[in-house]
């Protein structure tokens, strides 16, 4: 993945496009995890589908089967998961 991820996340890469570096992966977010760096942004677009648990990004909460899309450079608020989550990205 091009952008560094916040510490504490587990990454399982499912596929990688060698022509452009695009990655499909499952992010494992442990229970009680939080990243309070308000205003952080990825340099690439970001698609995410919650496949287990609950994840909060800024003021939005995503639960099982919820999807979000963030364009490159979109600022995100704090990220947290009280009970843990797995997110397909």
Protein backbone atom coordinates (compact mmCIF):
# COMPACT_ATOMS: atom_id res chain seq x y z
CA UNK A 1 0.00 0.00 0.00
CA UNK A 2 1.39 3.43 -0.90
CA UNK A 3 0.14 5.40 2.10
CA UNK A 4 1.45 4.46 5.53
CA UNK A 5 -1.24 3.06 7.75
CA UNK A 6 -1.78 4.14 11.33
CA UNK A 7 -0.06 1.81 13.84
CA UNK A 8 -1.95 -1.14 15.28
CA UNK A 9 -3.84 -2.26 12.17
CA UNK A 10 -3.39 -5.73 10.69
CA UNK A 11 -3.22 -5.96 6.90
CA UNK A 12 -3.93 -9.08 4.82
CA UNK A 13 -3.20 -8.31 1.16
CA UNK A 14 -5.57 -10.21 -1.14
CA UNK A 15 -4.28 -8.89 -4.45
CA UNK A 16 -1.84 -6.34 -5.84
CA UNK A 17 -1.82 -4.79 -9.31
CA UNK A 18 1.83 -4.67 -10.34
CA UNK A 19 1.12 -2.10 -13.07
CA UNK A 20 -0.12 0.66 -10.73
CA UNK A 21 0.39 -0.67 -7.19
CA UNK A 22 -3.32 -0.86 -6.38
CA UNK A 23 -4.07 -3.21 -3.50
CA UNK A 24 -7.13 -5.08 -2.30
CA UNK A 25 -6.79 -6.03 1.35
CA UNK A 26 -8.59 -6.78 4.58
CA UNK A 27 -7.74 -4.37 7.40
CA UNK A 28 -8.07 -5.89 10.83
CA UNK A 29 -8.96 -3.25 13.39
CA UNK A 30 -8.54 -4.46 16.98
CA UNK A 31 -11.11 -3.76 19.69
CA UNK A 32 -10.45 -0.45 21.41
CA UNK A 33 -8.25 0.84 18.58
CA UNK A 34 -8.28 4.55 17.78
CA UNK A 35 -6.38 7.00 15.62
CA UNK A 36 -6.95 10.59 16.72
CA UNK A 37 -5.02 12.39 13.99
CA UNK A 38 -7.86 14.67 12.89
CA UNK A 39 -7.58 15.87 9.30
CA UNK A 40 -5.45 13.02 7.92
CA UNK A 41 -5.99 12.09 4.28
CA UNK A 42 -4.85 9.36 1.92
CA UNK A 43 -3.21 10.31 -1.35
CA UNK A 44 -5.29 7.69 -3.19
CA UNK A 45 -9.02 7.08 -3.37
CA UNK A 46 -10.37 4.85 -0.65
CA UNK A 47 -13.21 2.32 -0.87
CA UNK A 48 -14.15 0.42 2.30
CA UNK A 49 -16.72 -2.27 3.07
CA UNK A 50 -17.17 -3.37 6.68
CA UNK A 51 -17.27 -7.19 6.75
CA UNK A 52 -17.20 -7.59 10.54
CA UNK A 53 -17.75 -5.26 13.47
CA UNK A 54 -18.11 -1.50 13.58
CA UNK A 55 -15.81 1.35 12.53
CA UNK A 56 -16.19 5.07 13.19
CA UNK A 57 -14.58 7.58 10.81
CA UNK A 58 -15.09 11.16 11.93
CA UNK A 59 -18.77 11.52 12.83
CA UNK A 60 -19.87 8.54 10.71
CA UNK A 61 -20.29 5.00 12.02
CA UNK A 62 -20.06 2.03 9.65
CA UNK A 63 -21.45 -1.39 10.57
CA UNK A 64 -21.62 -4.79 8.90
CA UNK A 65 -22.04 -4.40 5.10
CA UNK A 66 -21.78 -0.59 5.21
CA UNK A 67 -19.70 0.97 2.43
CA UNK A 68 -17.88 4.28 2.11
CA UNK A 69 -15.91 5.96 -0.65
CA UNK A 70 -13.41 8.76 -0.05
CA UNK A 71 -11.69 10.50 -2.98
CA UNK A 72 -7.93 11.08 -2.87
CA UNK A 73 -7.07 13.88 -0.48
CA UNK A 74 -10.41 13.75 1.37
CA UNK A 75 -9.73 14.73 4.98
CA UNK A 76 -10.94 12.21 7.55
CA UNK A 77 -11.57 12.78 11.22
CA UNK A 78 -10.52 10.47 14.03
CA UNK A 79 -10.99 6.74 13.39
CA UNK A 80 -11.94 4.22 16.07
CA UNK A 81 -13.45 0.81 16.70
CA UNK A 82 -14.79 0.01 20.16
CA UNK A 83 -15.33 -3.70 19.49
CA UNK A 84 -13.04 -4.28 16.49
CA UNK A 85 -13.72 -4.59 12.77
CA UNK A 86 -12.55 -6.17 9.53
CA UNK A 87 -12.73 -3.85 6.54
CA UNK A 88 -12.30 -4.79 2.88
CA UNK A 89 -10.35 -2.02 1.15
